[in-house]
Amino acid sequence: MQFIHSLWQFLLPNYLITIAIETPILLIGLSKLHSLRTRLIAGVWLTACTYPIVVLVLPLLLEGWSRPAYLWVAEIFAPLAECLIFCAAFERNRKLTRGQLAQDWITIILANLASFGIGELMLAWRN
């Protein structure tokens, strides 16, 4: 039970840190076809959709797995899910070129890699 409690304690402050890292990248990198409002919403909403799964669900599903295995699953799941969610919500009715779609997906992946990398640096610094 303590394990689950610690996951919930981790969720909110680290969600806020994650959106603080990812949102500026999305603001700059997403296709200019998307309004500033859409890019801001994406910065908060995409992480809101995937972060609870990464922080609360996957640790329980993958309990007993090594940390590197968990990280592989989580860090493939999050950007892939966010790309699909972004497409479903913001790109399905637009006439995007393949280049614009690729730009959006690459930006989402880079935002996730940035938050992962900074999170790992923060973890290493604490230890």
Protein backbone atom coordinates (compact mmCIF):
# COMPACT_ATOMS: atom_id res chain seq x y z
CA MET A 1 0.00 0.00 0.00
CA GLN A 2 2.90 2.35 0.73
CA PHE A 3 4.10 1.83 -2.87
CA ILE A 4 0.76 3.05 -4.26
CA HIS A 5 0.74 6.01 -1.87
CA SER A 6 4.22 7.02 -3.01
CA LEU A 7 3.10 6.87 -6.66
CA TRP A 8 0.22 9.26 -5.93
CA GLN A 9 2.57 11.63 -4.06
CA PHE A 10 4.88 11.62 -7.08
CA LEU A 11 2.11 12.37 -9.58
CA LEU A 12 1.12 16.03 -9.19
CA PRO A 13 4.44 17.79 -8.60
CA ASN A 14 6.14 15.83 -11.35
CA TYR A 15 3.20 16.33 -13.73
CA LEU A 16 3.67 20.07 -13.28
CA ILE A 17 7.40 19.77 -13.92
CA THR A 18 6.73 17.66 -17.01
CA ILE A 19 4.35 20.18 -18.55
CA ALA A 20 6.79 22.98 -17.71
CA ILE A 21 9.41 21.15 -19.75
CA GLU A 22 7.24 19.89 -22.61
CA THR A 23 4.94 22.86 -23.25
CA PRO A 24 7.66 25.29 -24.47
CA ILE A 25 8.94 22.61 -26.86
CA LEU A 26 5.43 22.05 -28.21
CA LEU A 27 4.84 25.80 -28.50
CA ILE A 28 7.95 26.21 -30.62
CA GLY A 29 7.98 22.94 -32.53
CA LEU A 30 4.41 22.06 -33.47
CA SER A 31 3.34 23.08 -36.94
CA LYS A 32 2.31 26.74 -37.20
CA LEU A 33 -0.93 25.43 -38.71
CA HIS A 34 -2.00 24.92 -35.09
CA SER A 35 -3.02 28.02 -33.17
CA LEU A 36 -1.11 29.16 -30.11
CA ARG A 37 -4.15 28.09 -28.06
CA THR A 38 -4.03 24.57 -29.52
CA ARG A 39 -0.31 24.28 -28.84
CA LEU A 40 -0.81 25.45 -25.23
CA ILE A 41 -3.66 23.00 -24.71
CA ALA A 42 -1.51 20.22 -26.14
CA GLY A 43 1.23 21.04 -23.64
CA VAL A 44 -1.08 20.38 -20.70
CA TRP A 45 -3.57 17.90 -22.09
CA LEU A 46 -1.30 15.35 -23.80
CA THR A 47 0.67 14.85 -20.61
CA ALA A 48 -2.58 14.70 -18.62
CA CYS A 49 -3.66 11.79 -20.80
CA THR A 50 -0.49 9.72 -20.53
CA TYR A 51 1.25 10.72 -17.29
CA PRO A 52 -1.16 8.94 -14.91
CA ILE A 53 -0.68 5.74 -16.90
CA VAL A 54 3.10 6.09 -16.84
CA VAL A 55 3.20 6.96 -13.12
CA LEU A 56 0.31 4.99 -11.63
CA VAL A 57 -0.62 2.12 -13.94
CA LEU A 58 2.62 0.91 -15.54
CA PRO A 59 4.55 0.59 -12.25
CA LEU A 60 1.81 -1.72 -10.96
CA LEU A 61 1.52 -3.69 -14.20
CA LEU A 62 5.28 -4.04 -14.51
CA GLU A 63 6.03 -4.64 -10.84
CA GLY A 64 9.02 -6.93 -10.61
CA TRP A 65 10.40 -5.80 -13.95
CA SER A 66 13.75 -4.03 -14.00
CA ARG A 67 13.79 -0.25 -14.08
CA PRO A 68 15.31 -0.19 -17.60
CA ALA A 69 12.50 -2.45 -18.87
CA TYR A 70 9.88 -0.20 -17.26
CA LEU A 71 11.52 2.88 -18.80
CA TRP A 72 11.51 1.28 -22.26
CA VAL A 73 7.80 0.53 -22.02
CA ALA A 74 6.88 3.91 -20.51
CA GLU A 75 9.02 5.98 -22.85
CA ILE A 76 7.68 4.23 -25.94
CA PHE A 77 4.08 4.29 -24.71
CA ALA A 78 3.93 8.01 -23.78
CA PRO A 79 5.09 9.64 -27.03
CA LEU A 80 3.28 7.12 -29.22
CA ALA A 81 0.01 7.60 -27.32
CA GLU A 82 0.46 11.38 -27.35
CA CYS A 83 1.06 11.41 -31.11
CA LEU A 84 -2.09 9.38 -31.68
CA ILE A 85 -4.16 11.50 -29.29
CA PHE A 86 -2.88 14.70 -30.89
CA CYS A 87 -3.77 13.39 -34.34
CA ALA A 88 -7.24 12.36 -33.24
CA ALA A 89 -7.95 15.66 -31.51
CA PHE A 90 -6.20 18.27 -33.62
CA GLU A 91 -5.18 16.90 -37.00
CA ARG A 92 -8.00 14.73 -38.30
CA ASN A 93 -9.92 17.55 -40.00
CA ARG A 94 -6.94 19.53 -41.24
CA LYS A 95 -5.18 19.31 -44.54
CA LEU A 96 -1.70 18.63 -43.23
CA THR A 97 1.18 17.77 -45.46
CA ARG A 98 3.27 14.76 -44.55
CA GLY A 99 5.99 17.20 -43.54
CA GLN A 100 3.69 19.03 -41.11
CA LEU A 101 2.47 15.75 -39.64
CA ALA A 102 6.06 14.55 -39.26
CA GLN A 103 7.00 17.88 -37.64
CA ASP A 104 4.21 17.49 -35.08
CA TRP A 105 5.11 13.90 -34.26
CA ILE A 106 8.84 14.62 -34.01
CA THR A 107 8.09 17.60 -31.74
CA ILE A 108 5.94 15.46 -29.44
CA ILE A 109 8.65 12.80 -29.30
CA LEU A 110 11.36 15.41 -28.57
CA ALA A 111 9.24 16.96 -25.82
CA ASN A 112 8.88 13.55 -24.20
CA LEU A 113 12.59 12.82 -24.53
CA ALA A 114 13.41 16.19 -22.96
CA SER A 115 11.18 15.60 -19.94
CA PHE A 116 12.53 12.08 -19.57
CA GLY A 117 16.14 13.27 -19.79
CA ILE A 118 15.65 16.12 -17.34
CA GLY A 119 13.77 13.77 -15.00
CA GLU A 120 16.67 11.33 -15.07
CA LEU A 121 19.13 14.14 -14.35
CA MET A 122 17.00 15.31 -11.41
CA LEU A 123 16.85 11.74 -10.08
CA ALA A 124 20.63 11.33 -10.40
CA TRP A 125 21.19 14.68 -8.69
CA ARG A 126 18.96 13.65 -5.74
CA ASN A 127 20.89 10.41 -5.30
